[in-house]
Amino acid sequence: MTVTADADADARMMRIGEVARGAGVSVRAVRYYEQQGLLVAERSPSGQRLYRQDAIALVRFFQQMYAAGLTSRRIGELMPCWDSGHTDAEQRAMLRTERERIQAKIDTLRTALAHLDEVIAVTDTHP
């Protein structure tokens, strides 16, 4: 009976290549997230890395947070919030600080985009 339960558990787990393909990243990136302590892999009897079904969503989340300028350490601080859905006052303050930083970055990019649109509009009238 235990063997069947383990086999069922392994069937629900994904190999590293499946996670990488599903998230649109390299296998090396998945290994990096594991090295940073952001992603946890179990090992099959043959030593292959096996990940939970939510690993693809997690890797996509990591990619978004890196793109927004967060460090591995900061993303690691977010993980308890992701896992439990609950935060303490310090975590909420950190989340708000990161949100404000990202919003400021978005505002700056919107301004740059508007300026580019102006240049495009001017250059479109002059062949």
N, C-alpha and C. Protein backbone atom coordinates (compact mmCIF):
# COMPACT_ATOMS: atom_id res chain seq x y z
N MET A 1 0.83 -1.19 0.00
CA MET A 1 0.00 0.00 0.00
C MET A 1 0.87 1.26 0.00
N THR A 2 1.94 1.28 0.76
CA THR A 2 2.85 2.43 0.78
C THR A 2 3.48 2.65 -0.58
N VAL A 3 3.85 1.60 -1.28
CA VAL A 3 4.45 1.71 -2.59
C VAL A 3 3.50 2.40 -3.55
N THR A 4 2.21 2.06 -3.50
CA THR A 4 1.21 2.69 -4.36
C THR A 4 1.07 4.16 -4.03
N ALA A 5 1.05 4.50 -2.74
CA ALA A 5 0.94 5.90 -2.35
C ALA A 5 2.15 6.68 -2.84
N ASP A 6 3.35 6.10 -2.71
CA ASP A 6 4.55 6.77 -3.19
C ASP A 6 4.52 6.92 -4.70
N ALA A 7 4.06 5.89 -5.41
CA ALA A 7 3.97 5.96 -6.86
C ALA A 7 2.97 7.04 -7.27
N ASP A 8 1.85 7.14 -6.56
CA ASP A 8 0.87 8.19 -6.85
C ASP A 8 1.46 9.57 -6.59
N ALA A 9 2.20 9.70 -5.51
CA ALA A 9 2.83 10.98 -5.19
C ALA A 9 3.84 11.35 -6.26
N ASP A 10 4.65 10.37 -6.70
CA ASP A 10 5.62 10.64 -7.76
C ASP A 10 4.94 11.02 -9.06
N ALA A 11 3.78 10.42 -9.35
CA ALA A 11 3.05 10.73 -10.58
C ALA A 11 2.58 12.18 -10.58
N ARG A 12 2.31 12.73 -9.42
CA ARG A 12 1.85 14.12 -9.33
C ARG A 12 3.01 15.11 -9.37
N MET A 13 4.21 14.60 -9.24
CA MET A 13 5.40 15.44 -9.25
C MET A 13 5.86 15.62 -10.69
N MET A 14 6.59 16.71 -10.92
CA MET A 14 7.09 17.00 -12.26
C MET A 14 8.60 17.00 -12.26
N ARG A 15 9.16 16.59 -13.38
CA ARG A 15 10.61 16.65 -13.55
C ARG A 15 11.01 18.07 -13.91
N ILE A 16 12.30 18.34 -13.76
CA ILE A 16 12.82 19.69 -13.95
C ILE A 16 12.55 20.22 -15.37
N GLY A 17 12.66 19.36 -16.36
CA GLY A 17 12.41 19.79 -17.74
C GLY A 17 10.96 20.20 -17.96
N GLU A 18 10.04 19.49 -17.31
CA GLU A 18 8.62 19.84 -17.43
C GLU A 18 8.34 21.20 -16.80
N VAL A 19 8.96 21.45 -15.66
CA VAL A 19 8.80 22.74 -14.98
C VAL A 19 9.35 23.85 -15.87
N ALA A 20 10.56 23.64 -16.39
CA ALA A 20 11.20 24.65 -17.23
C ALA A 20 10.34 24.95 -18.46
N ARG A 21 9.90 23.92 -19.16
CA ARG A 21 9.06 24.13 -20.35
C ARG A 21 7.76 24.83 -20.00
N GLY A 22 7.12 24.38 -18.94
CA GLY A 22 5.84 24.96 -18.54
C GLY A 22 5.94 26.42 -18.16
N ALA A 23 7.08 26.80 -17.58
CA ALA A 23 7.27 28.19 -17.14
C ALA A 23 7.97 29.04 -18.20
N GLY A 24 8.47 28.40 -19.25
CA GLY A 24 9.16 29.14 -20.30
C GLY A 24 10.53 29.63 -19.90
N VAL A 25 11.22 28.84 -19.09
CA VAL A 25 12.57 29.19 -18.66
C VAL A 25 13.51 28.02 -18.95
N SER A 26 14.78 28.24 -18.74
CA SER A 26 15.76 27.16 -18.93
C SER A 26 15.80 26.26 -17.69
N VAL A 27 16.29 25.06 -17.89
CA VAL A 27 16.51 24.14 -16.77
C VAL A 27 17.49 24.78 -15.80
N ARG A 28 18.47 25.48 -16.34
CA ARG A 28 19.45 26.16 -15.48
C ARG A 28 18.77 27.16 -14.55
N ALA A 29 17.76 27.89 -15.06
CA ALA A 29 17.04 28.85 -14.22
C ALA A 29 16.32 28.13 -13.07
N VAL A 30 15.71 26.99 -13.36
CA VAL A 30 15.02 26.23 -12.31
C VAL A 30 16.02 25.79 -11.25
N ARG A 31 17.18 25.33 -11.68
CA ARG A 31 18.23 24.93 -10.72
C ARG A 31 18.68 26.13 -9.89
N TYR A 32 18.80 27.28 -10.53
CA TYR A 32 19.20 28.49 -9.82
C TYR A 32 18.19 28.82 -8.72
N TYR A 33 16.90 28.75 -9.03
CA TYR A 33 15.87 29.04 -8.02
C TYR A 33 15.97 28.06 -6.86
N GLU A 34 16.30 26.83 -7.17
CA GLU A 34 16.48 25.84 -6.11
C GLU A 34 17.71 26.19 -5.27
N GLN A 35 18.81 26.57 -5.91
CA GLN A 35 20.03 26.94 -5.19
C GLN A 35 19.79 28.15 -4.29
N GLN A 36 18.92 29.06 -4.72
CA GLN A 36 18.60 30.25 -3.95
C GLN A 36 17.62 29.96 -2.80
N GLY A 37 17.13 28.74 -2.74
CA GLY A 37 16.19 28.37 -1.68
C GLY A 37 14.77 28.78 -1.97
N LEU A 38 14.49 29.16 -3.21
CA LEU A 38 13.15 29.61 -3.57
C LEU A 38 12.25 28.45 -3.98
N LEU A 39 12.83 27.40 -4.48
CA LEU A 39 12.08 26.26 -4.99
C LEU A 39 12.66 25.01 -4.36
N VAL A 40 11.79 24.10 -3.95
CA VAL A 40 12.24 22.88 -3.29
C VAL A 40 11.96 21.69 -4.20
N ALA A 41 12.97 20.88 -4.37
CA ALA A 41 12.82 19.65 -5.16
C ALA A 41 12.98 18.45 -4.24
N GLU A 42 12.19 17.45 -4.53
CA GLU A 42 12.40 16.15 -3.91
C GLU A 42 13.24 15.35 -4.90
N ARG A 43 13.68 14.21 -4.50
CA ARG A 43 14.47 13.36 -5.38
C ARG A 43 13.77 12.02 -5.59
N SER A 44 13.77 11.57 -6.82
CA SER A 44 13.24 10.25 -7.13
C SER A 44 14.25 9.21 -6.65
N PRO A 45 13.87 7.95 -6.61
CA PRO A 45 14.84 6.92 -6.23
C PRO A 45 16.09 6.93 -7.12
N SER A 46 15.93 7.37 -8.37
CA SER A 46 17.09 7.42 -9.28
C SER A 46 17.84 8.74 -9.19
N GLY A 47 17.39 9.64 -8.30
CA GLY A 47 18.10 10.90 -8.08
C GLY A 47 17.60 12.08 -8.90
N GLN A 48 16.56 11.89 -9.71
CA GLN A 48 16.03 13.00 -10.50
C GLN A 48 15.28 13.98 -9.60
N ARG A 49 15.39 15.28 -9.95
CA ARG A 49 14.64 16.29 -9.22
C ARG A 49 13.16 16.16 -9.57
N LEU A 50 12.32 16.24 -8.54
CA LEU A 50 10.88 16.20 -8.72
C LEU A 50 10.27 17.39 -8.00
N TYR A 51 9.36 18.09 -8.68
CA TYR A 51 8.77 19.31 -8.14
C TYR A 51 7.26 19.16 -8.02
N ARG A 52 6.70 19.89 -7.07
CA ARG A 52 5.24 19.90 -6.88
C ARG A 52 4.57 20.53 -8.10
N GLN A 53 3.29 20.30 -8.23
CA GLN A 53 2.53 20.81 -9.36
C GLN A 53 2.51 22.34 -9.43
N ASP A 54 2.66 23.01 -8.30
CA ASP A 54 2.62 24.48 -8.33
C ASP A 54 3.97 25.10 -8.70
N ALA A 55 4.96 24.28 -9.04
CA ALA A 55 6.29 24.80 -9.36
C ALA A 55 6.27 25.72 -10.57
N ILE A 56 5.46 25.42 -11.57
CA ILE A 56 5.41 26.28 -12.76
C ILE A 56 4.92 27.67 -12.38
N ALA A 57 3.85 27.74 -11.60
CA ALA A 57 3.33 29.04 -11.16
C ALA A 57 4.37 29.78 -10.33
N LEU A 58 5.08 29.06 -9.47
CA LEU A 58 6.12 29.69 -8.66
C LEU A 58 7.24 30.25 -9.52
N VAL A 59 7.70 29.48 -10.49
CA VAL A 59 8.78 29.95 -11.36
C VAL A 59 8.34 31.19 -12.14
N ARG A 60 7.11 31.19 -12.62
CA ARG A 60 6.60 32.38 -13.31
C ARG A 60 6.57 33.58 -12.37
N PHE A 61 6.16 33.35 -11.14
CA PHE A 61 6.17 34.41 -10.13
C PHE A 61 7.59 34.93 -9.92
N PHE A 62 8.55 34.02 -9.78
CA PHE A 62 9.94 34.44 -9.61
C PHE A 62 10.39 35.30 -10.79
N GLN A 63 10.07 34.88 -11.99
CA GLN A 63 10.45 35.64 -13.18
C GLN A 63 9.86 37.05 -13.15
N GLN A 64 8.61 37.16 -12.77
CA GLN A 64 7.97 38.47 -12.68
C GLN A 64 8.64 39.34 -11.63
N MET A 65 8.95 38.76 -10.49
CA MET A 65 9.56 39.53 -9.42
C MET A 65 10.98 39.96 -9.79
N TYR A 66 11.74 39.08 -10.45
CA TYR A 66 13.08 39.47 -10.92
C TYR A 66 12.96 40.60 -11.93
N ALA A 67 12.01 40.49 -12.85
CA ALA A 67 11.81 41.54 -13.86
C ALA A 67 11.44 42.86 -13.21
N ALA A 68 10.77 42.80 -12.08
CA ALA A 68 10.39 44.01 -11.36
C ALA A 68 11.51 44.56 -10.49
N GLY A 69 12.64 43.84 -10.46
CA GLY A 69 13.80 44.34 -9.74
C GLY A 69 14.01 43.79 -8.34
N LEU A 70 13.25 42.78 -7.95
CA LEU A 70 13.45 42.19 -6.63
C LEU A 70 14.65 41.25 -6.66
N THR A 71 15.31 41.13 -5.53
CA THR A 71 16.44 40.22 -5.40
C THR A 71 15.94 38.85 -4.95
N SER A 72 16.81 37.85 -5.05
CA SER A 72 16.46 36.51 -4.56
C SER A 72 16.10 36.56 -3.08
N ARG A 73 16.86 37.34 -2.33
CA ARG A 73 16.59 37.44 -0.89
C ARG A 73 15.20 38.00 -0.64
N ARG A 74 14.85 39.05 -1.37
CA ARG A 74 13.54 39.68 -1.18
C ARG A 74 12.42 38.73 -1.61
N ILE A 75 12.63 38.02 -2.71
CA ILE A 75 11.63 37.05 -3.15
C ILE A 75 11.47 35.97 -2.09
N GLY A 76 12.58 35.54 -1.50
CA GLY A 76 12.52 34.56 -0.43
C GLY A 76 11.70 35.06 0.76
N GLU A 77 11.78 36.36 1.02
CA GLU A 77 10.99 36.95 2.11
C GLU A 77 9.50 36.96 1.77
N LEU A 78 9.18 36.97 0.47
CA LEU A 78 7.78 36.95 0.05
C LEU A 78 7.16 35.56 0.14
N MET A 79 7.99 34.53 0.08
CA MET A 79 7.48 33.17 -0.02
C MET A 79 6.56 32.75 1.13
N PRO A 80 6.83 33.13 2.38
CA PRO A 80 5.87 32.76 3.42
C PRO A 80 4.49 33.37 3.17
N CYS A 81 4.46 34.56 2.59
CA CYS A 81 3.19 35.20 2.26
C CYS A 81 2.47 34.39 1.17
N TRP A 82 3.24 33.96 0.18
CA TRP A 82 2.69 33.16 -0.93
C TRP A 82 2.16 31.83 -0.39
N ASP A 83 2.96 31.17 0.44
CA ASP A 83 2.60 29.84 0.94
C ASP A 83 1.39 29.85 1.87
N SER A 84 1.34 30.82 2.78
CA SER A 84 0.29 30.81 3.79
C SER A 84 -0.89 31.70 3.47
N GLY A 85 -0.64 32.74 2.65
CA GLY A 85 -1.71 33.70 2.39
C GLY A 85 -1.88 34.69 3.53
N HIS A 86 -1.01 34.60 4.51
CA HIS A 86 -1.08 35.50 5.67
C HIS A 86 0.23 36.26 5.81
N THR A 87 0.14 37.44 6.41
CA THR A 87 1.34 38.23 6.64
C THR A 87 1.28 38.85 8.03
N ASP A 88 2.45 39.23 8.51
CA ASP A 88 2.49 40.02 9.73
C ASP A 88 2.72 41.48 9.33
N ALA A 89 2.77 42.36 10.28
CA ALA A 89 2.89 43.79 10.00
C ALA A 89 4.18 44.11 9.25
N GLU A 90 5.28 43.47 9.62
CA GLU A 90 6.56 43.71 8.96
C GLU A 90 6.52 43.26 7.49
N GLN A 91 5.93 42.09 7.25
CA GLN A 91 5.82 41.59 5.88
C GLN A 91 4.93 42.51 5.03
N ARG A 92 3.82 42.97 5.61
CA ARG A 92 2.93 43.88 4.87
C ARG A 92 3.64 45.17 4.53
N ALA A 93 4.44 45.68 5.45
CA ALA A 93 5.20 46.90 5.18
C ALA A 93 6.19 46.66 4.04
N MET A 94 6.86 45.52 4.05
CA MET A 94 7.80 45.19 2.98
C MET A 94 7.07 45.07 1.66
N LEU A 95 5.90 44.41 1.65
CA LEU A 95 5.12 44.27 0.43
C LEU A 95 4.69 45.63 -0.12
N ARG A 96 4.27 46.50 0.76
CA ARG A 96 3.86 47.85 0.33
C ARG A 96 5.05 48.65 -0.21
N THR A 97 6.20 48.51 0.43
CA THR A 97 7.40 49.20 -0.05
C THR A 97 7.77 48.72 -1.45
N GLU A 98 7.74 47.42 -1.67
CA GLU A 98 8.05 46.88 -3.00
C GLU A 98 7.00 47.32 -4.02
N ARG A 99 5.74 47.35 -3.61
CA ARG A 99 4.69 47.80 -4.52
C ARG A 99 4.91 49.25 -4.93
N GLU A 100 5.25 50.10 -3.97
CA GLU A 100 5.50 51.51 -4.27
C GLU A 100 6.70 51.67 -5.19
N ARG A 101 7.73 50.89 -4.97
CA ARG A 101 8.92 50.95 -5.83
C ARG A 101 8.57 50.54 -7.25
N ILE A 102 7.80 49.46 -7.38
CA ILE A 102 7.40 48.99 -8.70
C ILE A 102 6.48 50.01 -9.38
N GLN A 103 5.55 50.60 -8.62
CA GLN A 103 4.66 51.61 -9.19
C GLN A 103 5.45 52.81 -9.70
N ALA A 104 6.46 53.23 -8.95
CA ALA A 104 7.31 54.34 -9.39
C ALA A 104 8.03 53.99 -10.69
N LYS A 105 8.48 52.74 -10.79
CA LYS A 105 9.14 52.28 -12.01
C LYS A 105 8.16 52.31 -13.19
N ILE A 106 6.94 51.86 -12.95
CA ILE A 106 5.90 51.89 -13.98
C ILE A 106 5.63 53.32 -14.42
N ASP A 107 5.51 54.22 -13.47
CA ASP A 107 5.25 55.63 -13.79
C ASP A 107 6.37 56.20 -14.65
N THR A 108 7.61 55.88 -14.30
CA THR A 108 8.75 56.35 -15.09
C THR A 108 8.70 55.78 -16.50
N LEU A 109 8.39 54.50 -16.62
CA LEU A 109 8.29 53.89 -17.94
C LEU A 109 7.14 54.48 -18.76
N ARG A 110 6.02 54.79 -18.12
CA ARG A 110 4.90 55.42 -18.83
C ARG A 110 5.30 56.79 -19.37
N THR A 111 6.05 57.55 -18.58
CA THR A 111 6.53 58.86 -19.02
C THR A 111 7.47 58.71 -20.21
N ALA A 112 8.38 57.76 -20.13
CA ALA A 112 9.30 57.50 -21.24
C ALA A 112 8.53 57.07 -22.48
N LEU A 113 7.52 56.24 -22.31
CA LEU A 113 6.69 55.80 -23.43
C LEU A 113 5.97 56.97 -24.08
N ALA A 114 5.44 57.86 -23.26
CA ALA A 114 4.74 59.05 -23.78
C ALA A 114 5.71 59.92 -24.59
N HIS A 115 6.93 60.07 -24.10
CA HIS A 115 7.94 60.86 -24.84
C HIS A 115 8.30 60.19 -26.16
N LEU A 116 8.44 58.89 -26.15
CA LEU A 116 8.71 58.18 -27.40
C LEU A 116 7.56 58.33 -28.38
N ASP A 117 6.33 58.27 -27.87
CA ASP A 117 5.16 58.48 -28.73
C ASP A 117 5.19 59.86 -29.37
N GLU A 118 5.62 60.86 -28.60
CA GLU A 118 5.74 62.22 -29.15
C GLU A 118 6.78 62.28 -30.26
N VAL A 119 7.91 61.67 -30.03
CA VAL A 119 8.97 61.66 -31.05
C VAL A 119 8.49 60.92 -32.29
N ILE A 120 7.81 59.80 -32.10
CA ILE A 120 7.28 59.04 -33.24
C ILE A 120 6.28 59.89 -34.01
N ALA A 121 5.40 60.58 -33.30
CA ALA A 121 4.40 61.43 -33.96
C ALA A 121 5.06 62.53 -34.78
N VAL A 122 6.10 63.14 -34.23
CA VAL A 122 6.80 64.21 -34.95
C VAL A 122 7.51 63.64 -36.17
N THR A 123 8.19 62.51 -35.98
CA THR A 123 8.94 61.94 -37.11
C THR A 123 8.03 61.35 -38.17
N ASP A 124 6.83 60.94 -37.80
CA ASP A 124 5.88 60.42 -38.79
C ASP A 124 5.42 61.52 -39.77
N THR A 125 5.47 62.77 -39.32
CA THR A 125 5.03 63.87 -40.19
C THR A 125 6.16 64.36 -41.10
N HIS A 126 7.37 63.88 -40.85
CA HIS A 126 8.53 64.27 -41.67
C HIS A 126 9.18 63.02 -42.25
N PRO A 127 8.92 62.74 -43.51
CA PRO A 127 9.51 61.53 -44.10
C PRO A 127 10.95 61.61 -44.23
